[in-house]
Amino acid sequence: MPNTTTTTEPDRLSPGDIARTLLWIVVVASALTNMAASFGGADTWVHLVCGAVTVLCAGTLVVRNLRGRR
């Protein structure tokens, strides 16, 4: 009896998976940097930059998720 199972290529990362992973890394890194800046007594502009980066990356993740559902 011949083997009827087909071999498939291993799962590969798509560019979308890589982008999502990088966005999550940036969100976590900017949130941690903002928290460290709070404990360190950094200037206001550091908090604003970290917050802006966090919001932009999180917003991009939300938009990508909502577009992926369609």
PDB file of N, CA and C in Angstrom:
ATOM      1  N   MET A   1       0.858  -1.166   0.000  1.00  0.00           N
ATOM      2  CA  MET A   1       0.000   0.000   0.000  1.00  0.00           C
ATOM      3  C   MET A   1       0.913   1.241   0.000  1.00  0.00           C
ATOM      4  N   PRO A   2       0.737   2.135  -0.973  1.00  0.00           N
ATOM      5  CA  PRO A   2       1.591   3.322  -1.043  1.00  0.00           C
ATOM      6  C   PRO A   2       1.229   4.329   0.046  1.00  0.00           C
ATOM      7  N   ASN A   3       2.189   5.095   0.392  1.00  0.00           N
ATOM      8  CA  ASN A   3       1.985   6.139   1.403  1.00  0.00           C
ATOM      9  C   ASN A   3       1.188   7.278   0.775  1.00  0.00           C
ATOM     10  N   THR A   4       0.019   7.582   1.329  1.00  0.00           N
ATOM     11  CA  THR A   4      -0.848   8.601   0.743  1.00  0.00           C
ATOM     12  C   THR A   4      -0.748   9.950   1.446  1.00  0.00           C
ATOM     13  N   THR A   5       0.075  10.047   2.447  1.00  0.00           N
ATOM     14  CA  THR A   5       0.203  11.342   3.123  1.00  0.00           C
ATOM     15  C   THR A   5       1.105  12.233   2.297  1.00  0.00           C
ATOM     16  N   THR A   6       0.737  13.474   2.222  1.00  0.00           N
ATOM     17  CA  THR A   6       1.539  14.423   1.457  1.00  0.00           C
ATOM     18  C   THR A   6       2.388  15.229   2.414  1.00  0.00           C
ATOM     19  N   THR A   7       3.571  15.489   2.002  1.00  0.00           N
ATOM     20  CA  THR A   7       4.433  16.322   2.824  1.00  0.00           C
ATOM     21  C   THR A   7       4.255  17.766   2.398  1.00  0.00           C
ATOM     22  N   THR A   8       4.165  18.601   3.360  1.00  0.00           N
ATOM     23  CA  THR A   8       4.010  20.025   3.068  1.00  0.00           C
ATOM     24  C   THR A   8       5.246  20.762   3.532  1.00  0.00           C
ATOM     25  N   GLU A   9       5.415  21.924   2.972  1.00  0.00           N
ATOM     26  CA  GLU A   9       6.526  22.756   3.397  1.00  0.00           C
ATOM     27  C   GLU A   9       6.335  23.172   4.839  1.00  0.00           C
ATOM     28  N   PRO A  10       7.414  23.322   5.572  1.00  0.00           N
ATOM     29  CA  PRO A  10       7.249  23.802   6.950  1.00  0.00           C
ATOM     30  C   PRO A  10       6.663  25.205   6.953  1.00  0.00           C
ATOM     31  N   ASP A  11       5.974  25.497   8.043  1.00  0.00           N
ATOM     32  CA  ASP A  11       5.370  26.823   8.144  1.00  0.00           C
ATOM     33  C   ASP A  11       6.454  27.889   8.090  1.00  0.00           C
ATOM     34  N   ARG A  12       6.219  28.876   7.266  1.00  0.00           N
ATOM     35  CA  ARG A  12       7.171  29.975   7.125  1.00  0.00           C
ATOM     36  C   ARG A  12       6.548  31.246   7.654  1.00  0.00           C
ATOM     37  N   LEU A  13       7.386  32.129   8.104  1.00  0.00           N
ATOM     38  CA  LEU A  13       6.902  33.417   8.584  1.00  0.00           C
ATOM     39  C   LEU A  13       6.576  34.308   7.405  1.00  0.00           C
ATOM     40  N   SER A  14       5.413  34.909   7.459  1.00  0.00           N
ATOM     41  CA  SER A  14       5.041  35.852   6.414  1.00  0.00           C
ATOM     42  C   SER A  14       5.540  37.240   6.819  1.00  0.00           C
ATOM     43  N   PRO A  15       5.635  38.142   5.865  1.00  0.00           N
ATOM     44  CA  PRO A  15       6.035  39.510   6.210  1.00  0.00           C
ATOM     45  C   PRO A  15       5.092  40.151   7.234  1.00  0.00           C
ATOM     46  N   GLY A  16       3.820  39.778   7.191  1.00  0.00           N
ATOM     47  CA  GLY A  16       2.867  40.293   8.167  1.00  0.00           C
ATOM     48  C   GLY A  16       3.162  39.819   9.578  1.00  0.00           C
ATOM     49  N   ASP A  17       3.588  38.569   9.704  1.00  0.00           N
ATOM     50  CA  ASP A  17       3.955  38.029  11.018  1.00  0.00           C
ATOM     51  C   ASP A  17       5.176  38.742  11.577  1.00  0.00           C
ATOM     52  N   ILE A  18       6.139  38.996  10.711  1.00  0.00           N
ATOM     53  CA  ILE A  18       7.354  39.695  11.143  1.00  0.00           C
ATOM     54  C   ILE A  18       7.029  41.116  11.566  1.00  0.00           C
ATOM     55  N   ALA A  19       6.182  41.790  10.788  1.00  0.00           N
ATOM     56  CA  ALA A  19       5.803  43.172  11.117  1.00  0.00           C
ATOM     57  C   ALA A  19       5.058  43.221  12.450  1.00  0.00           C
ATOM     58  N   ARG A  20       4.141  42.280  12.659  1.00  0.00           N
ATOM     59  CA  ARG A  20       3.382  42.252  13.908  1.00  0.00           C
ATOM     60  C   ARG A  20       4.302  42.019  15.101  1.00  0.00           C
ATOM     61  N   THR A  21       5.246  41.118  14.955  1.00  0.00           N
ATOM     62  CA  THR A  21       6.189  40.839  16.031  1.00  0.00           C
ATOM     63  C   THR A  21       7.042  42.062  16.339  1.00  0.00           C
ATOM     64  N   LEU A  22       7.540  42.726  15.306  1.00  0.00           N
ATOM     65  CA  LEU A  22       8.356  43.920  15.520  1.00  0.00           C
ATOM     66  C   LEU A  22       7.554  45.053  16.159  1.00  0.00           C
ATOM     67  N   LEU A  23       6.300  45.202  15.739  1.00  0.00           N
ATOM     68  CA  LEU A  23       5.457  46.230  16.355  1.00  0.00           C
ATOM     69  C   LEU A  23       5.241  45.953  17.838  1.00  0.00           C
ATOM     70  N   TRP A  24       5.008  44.689  18.197  1.00  0.00           N
ATOM     71  CA  TRP A  24       4.825  44.346  19.609  1.00  0.00           C
ATOM     72  C   TRP A  24       6.100  44.598  20.412  1.00  0.00           C
ATOM     73  N   ILE A  25       7.240  44.294  19.809  1.00  0.00           N
ATOM     74  CA  ILE A  25       8.510  44.547  20.493  1.00  0.00           C
ATOM     75  C   ILE A  25       8.697  46.031  20.744  1.00  0.00           C
ATOM     76  N   VAL A  26       8.369  46.858  19.753  1.00  0.00           N
ATOM     77  CA  VAL A  26       8.515  48.305  19.913  1.00  0.00           C
ATOM     78  C   VAL A  26       7.528  48.844  20.945  1.00  0.00           C
ATOM     79  N   VAL A  27       6.299  48.322  20.956  1.00  0.00           N
ATOM     80  CA  VAL A  27       5.308  48.759  21.947  1.00  0.00           C
ATOM     81  C   VAL A  27       5.812  48.462  23.360  1.00  0.00           C
ATOM     82  N   VAL A  28       6.285  47.247  23.579  1.00  0.00           N
ATOM     83  CA  VAL A  28       6.761  46.875  24.915  1.00  0.00           C
ATOM     84  C   VAL A  28       8.000  47.680  25.288  1.00  0.00           C
ATOM     85  N   ALA A  29       8.933  47.833  24.349  1.00  0.00           N
ATOM     86  CA  ALA A  29      10.163  48.574  24.635  1.00  0.00           C
ATOM     87  C   ALA A  29       9.871  50.038  24.944  1.00  0.00           C
ATOM     88  N   SER A  30       8.981  50.662  24.198  1.00  0.00           N
ATOM     89  CA  SER A  30       8.685  52.076  24.454  1.00  0.00           C
ATOM     90  C   SER A  30       7.912  52.253  25.757  1.00  0.00           C
ATOM     91  N   ALA A  31       7.036  51.312  26.087  1.00  0.00           N
ATOM     92  CA  ALA A  31       6.328  51.399  27.364  1.00  0.00           C
ATOM     93  C   ALA A  31       7.289  51.221  28.537  1.00  0.00           C
ATOM     94  N   LEU A  32       8.233  50.283  28.408  1.00  0.00           N
ATOM     95  CA  LEU A  32       9.224  50.092  29.469  1.00  0.00           C
ATOM     96  C   LEU A  32      10.158  51.302  29.583  1.00  0.00           C
ATOM     97  N   THR A  33      10.523  51.880  28.451  1.00  0.00           N
ATOM     98  CA  THR A  33      11.361  53.081  28.473  1.00  0.00           C
ATOM     99  C   THR A  33      10.630  54.234  29.136  1.00  0.00           C
ATOM    100  N   ASN A  34       9.344  54.360  28.856  1.00  0.00           N
ATOM    101  CA  ASN A  34       8.548  55.413  29.471  1.00  0.00           C
ATOM    102  C   ASN A  34       8.465  55.203  30.982  1.00  0.00           C
ATOM    103  N   MET A  35       8.311  53.959  31.398  1.00  0.00           N
ATOM    104  CA  MET A  35       8.251  53.664  32.822  1.00  0.00           C
ATOM    105  C   MET A  35       9.602  53.954  33.491  1.00  0.00           C
ATOM    106  N   ALA A  36      10.689  53.576  32.837  1.00  0.00           N
ATOM    107  CA  ALA A  36      12.018  53.849  33.386  1.00  0.00           C
ATOM    108  C   ALA A  36      12.274  55.349  33.449  1.00  0.00           C
ATOM    109  N   ALA A  37      11.791  56.084  32.466  1.00  0.00           N
ATOM    110  CA  ALA A  37      11.945  57.535  32.468  1.00  0.00           C
ATOM    111  C   ALA A  37      11.157  58.160  33.620  1.00  0.00           C
ATOM    112  N   SER A  38      10.027  57.568  33.946  1.00  0.00           N
ATOM    113  CA  SER A  38       9.236  58.066  35.070  1.00  0.00           C
ATOM    114  C   SER A  38       9.987  57.891  36.383  1.00  0.00           C
ATOM    115  N   PHE A  39      10.580  56.720  36.573  1.00  0.00           N
ATOM    116  CA  PHE A  39      11.328  56.477  37.804  1.00  0.00           C
ATOM    117  C   PHE A  39      12.622  57.279  37.848  1.00  0.00           C
ATOM    118  N   GLY A  40      13.182  57.560  36.672  1.00  0.00           N
ATOM    119  CA  GLY A  40      14.445  58.277  36.609  1.00  0.00           C
ATOM    120  C   GLY A  40      14.307  59.782  36.619  1.00  0.00           C
ATOM    121  N   GLY A  41      13.108  60.281  36.542  1.00  0.00           N
ATOM    122  CA  GLY A  41      12.887  61.722  36.553  1.00  0.00           C
ATOM    123  C   GLY A  41      13.349  62.405  35.273  1.00  0.00           C
ATOM    124  N   ALA A  42      13.097  61.786  34.131  1.00  0.00           N
ATOM    125  CA  ALA A  42      13.517  62.335  32.845  1.00  0.00           C
ATOM    126  C   ALA A  42      12.661  63.542  32.467  1.00  0.00           C
ATOM    127  N   ASP A  43      13.145  64.255  31.455  1.00  0.00           N
ATOM    128  CA  ASP A  43      12.414  65.422  30.957  1.00  0.00           C
ATOM    129  C   ASP A  43      11.083  65.007  30.320  1.00  0.00           C
ATOM    130  N   THR A  44      10.217  65.984  30.175  1.00  0.00           N
ATOM    131  CA  THR A  44       8.885  65.729  29.630  1.00  0.00           C
ATOM    132  C   THR A  44       8.951  65.229  28.195  1.00  0.00           C
ATOM    133  N   TRP A  45       9.892  65.728  27.398  1.00  0.00           N
ATOM    134  CA  TRP A  45       9.947  65.328  25.998  1.00  0.00           C
ATOM    135  C   TRP A  45      10.229  63.829  25.860  1.00  0.00           C
ATOM    136  N   VAL A  46      10.935  63.232  26.801  1.00  0.00           N
ATOM    137  CA  VAL A  46      11.201  61.790  26.750  1.00  0.00           C
ATOM    138  C   VAL A  46       9.884  61.023  26.902  1.00  0.00           C
ATOM    139  N   HIS A  47       9.055  61.466  27.835  1.00  0.00           N
ATOM    140  CA  HIS A  47       7.753  60.824  28.036  1.00  0.00           C
ATOM    141  C   HIS A  47       6.868  60.993  26.805  1.00  0.00           C
ATOM    142  N   LEU A  48       6.904  62.177  26.213  1.00  0.00           N
ATOM    143  CA  LEU A  48       6.076  62.425  25.030  1.00  0.00           C
ATOM    144  C   LEU A  48       6.505  61.561  23.851  1.00  0.00           C
ATOM    145  N   VAL A  49       7.796  61.431  23.643  1.00  0.00           N
ATOM    146  CA  VAL A  49       8.282  60.613  22.532  1.00  0.00           C
ATOM    147  C   VAL A  49       7.930  59.141  22.758  1.00  0.00           C
ATOM    148  N   CYS A  50       8.183  58.665  23.959  1.00  0.00           N
ATOM    149  CA  CYS A  50       7.849  57.265  24.268  1.00  0.00           C
ATOM    150  C   CYS A  50       6.356  57.005  24.140  1.00  0.00           C
ATOM    151  N   GLY A  51       5.558  57.926  24.630  1.00  0.00           N
ATOM    152  CA  GLY A  51       4.107  57.778  24.528  1.00  0.00           C
ATOM    153  C   GLY A  51       3.630  57.813  23.088  1.00  0.00           C
ATOM    154  N   ALA A  52       4.206  58.703  22.287  1.00  0.00           N
ATOM    155  CA  ALA A  52       3.813  58.791  20.879  1.00  0.00           C
ATOM    156  C   ALA A  52       4.171  57.510  20.129  1.00  0.00           C
ATOM    157  N   VAL A  53       5.346  56.981  20.392  1.00  0.00           N
ATOM    158  CA  VAL A  53       5.754  55.737  19.735  1.00  0.00           C
ATOM    159  C   VAL A  53       4.838  54.594  20.157  1.00  0.00           C
ATOM    160  N   THR A  54       4.516  54.525  21.433  1.00  0.00           N
ATOM    161  CA  THR A  54       3.627  53.476  21.926  1.00  0.00           C
ATOM    162  C   THR A  54       2.256  53.575  21.274  1.00  0.00           C
ATOM    163  N   VAL A  55       1.709  54.778  21.219  1.00  0.00           N
ATOM    164  CA  VAL A  55       0.371  54.966  20.638  1.00  0.00           C
ATOM    165  C   VAL A  55       0.372  54.657  19.145  1.00  0.00           C
ATOM    166  N   LEU A  56       1.389  55.097  18.425  1.00  0.00           N
ATOM    167  CA  LEU A  56       1.439  54.840  16.985  1.00  0.00           C
ATOM    168  C   LEU A  56       1.556  53.345  16.682  1.00  0.00           C
ATOM    169  N   CYS A  57       2.414  52.654  17.407  1.00  0.00           N
ATOM    170  CA  CYS A  57       2.574  51.217  17.168  1.00  0.00           C
ATOM    171  C   CYS A  57       1.330  50.440  17.586  1.00  0.00           C
ATOM    172  N   ALA A  58       0.749  50.793  18.722  1.00  0.00           N
ATOM    173  CA  ALA A  58      -0.462  50.114  19.166  1.00  0.00           C
ATOM    174  C   ALA A  58      -1.615  50.382  18.190  1.00  0.00           C
ATOM    175  N   GLY A  59      -1.714  51.602  17.725  1.00  0.00           N
ATOM    176  CA  GLY A  59      -2.743  51.936  16.734  1.00  0.00           C
ATOM    177  C   GLY A  59      -2.553  51.160  15.444  1.00  0.00           C
ATOM    178  N   THR A  60      -1.306  51.016  15.023  1.00  0.00           N
ATOM    179  CA  THR A  60      -1.021  50.234  13.817  1.00  0.00           C
ATOM    180  C   THR A  60      -1.412  48.769  14.011  1.00  0.00           C
ATOM    181  N   LEU A  61      -1.149  48.228  15.183  1.00  0.00           N
ATOM    182  CA  LEU A  61      -1.556  46.849  15.462  1.00  0.00           C
ATOM    183  C   LEU A  61      -3.071  46.690  15.417  1.00  0.00           C
ATOM    184  N   VAL A  62      -3.791  47.661  15.965  1.00  0.00           N
ATOM    185  CA  VAL A  62      -5.260  47.603  15.961  1.00  0.00           C
ATOM    186  C   VAL A  62      -5.781  47.678  14.531  1.00  0.00           C
ATOM    187  N   VAL A  63      -5.250  48.600  13.738  1.00  0.00           N
ATOM    188  CA  VAL A  63      -5.711  48.751  12.353  1.00  0.00           C
ATOM    189  C   VAL A  63      -5.420  47.486  11.557  1.00  0.00           C
ATOM    190  N   ARG A  64      -4.233  46.921  11.727  1.00  0.00           N
ATOM    191  CA  ARG A  64      -3.901  45.683  11.014  1.00  0.00           C
ATOM    192  C   ARG A  64      -4.831  44.544  11.420  1.00  0.00           C
ATOM    193  N   ASN A  65      -5.179  44.488  12.697  1.00  0.00           N
ATOM    194  CA  ASN A  65      -6.087  43.442  13.176  1.00  0.00           C
ATOM    195  C   ASN A  65      -7.482  43.619  12.590  1.00  0.00           C
ATOM    196  N   LEU A  66      -7.969  44.849  12.586  1.00  0.00           N
ATOM    197  CA  LEU A  66      -9.311  45.089  12.056  1.00  0.00           C
ATOM    198  C   LEU A  66      -9.373  44.849  10.554  1.00  0.00           C
ATOM    199  N   ARG A  67      -8.340  45.220   9.827  1.00  0.00           N
ATOM    200  CA  ARG A  67      -8.320  44.969   8.384  1.00  0.00           C
ATOM    201  C   ARG A  67      -8.192  43.484   8.071  1.00  0.00           C
ATOM    202  N   GLY A  68      -7.538  42.746   8.950  1.00  0.00           N
ATOM    203  CA  GLY A  68      -7.372  41.312   8.727  1.00  0.00           C
ATOM    204  C   GLY A  68      -8.652  40.525   8.920  1.00  0.00           C
ATOM    205  N   ARG A  69      -9.618  41.086   9.613  1.00  0.00           N
ATOM    206  CA  ARG A  69     -10.891  40.390   9.865  1.00  0.00           C
ATOM    207  C   ARG A  69     -11.825  40.458   8.672  1.00  0.00           C
ATOM    208  N   ARG A  70     -11.581  41.359   7.765  1.00  0.00           N
ATOM    209  CA  ARG A  70     -12.491  41.519   6.605  1.00  0.00           C
ATOM    210  C   ARG A  70     -12.271  40.478   5.566  1.00  0.00           C
TER     211      ARG A  70
END
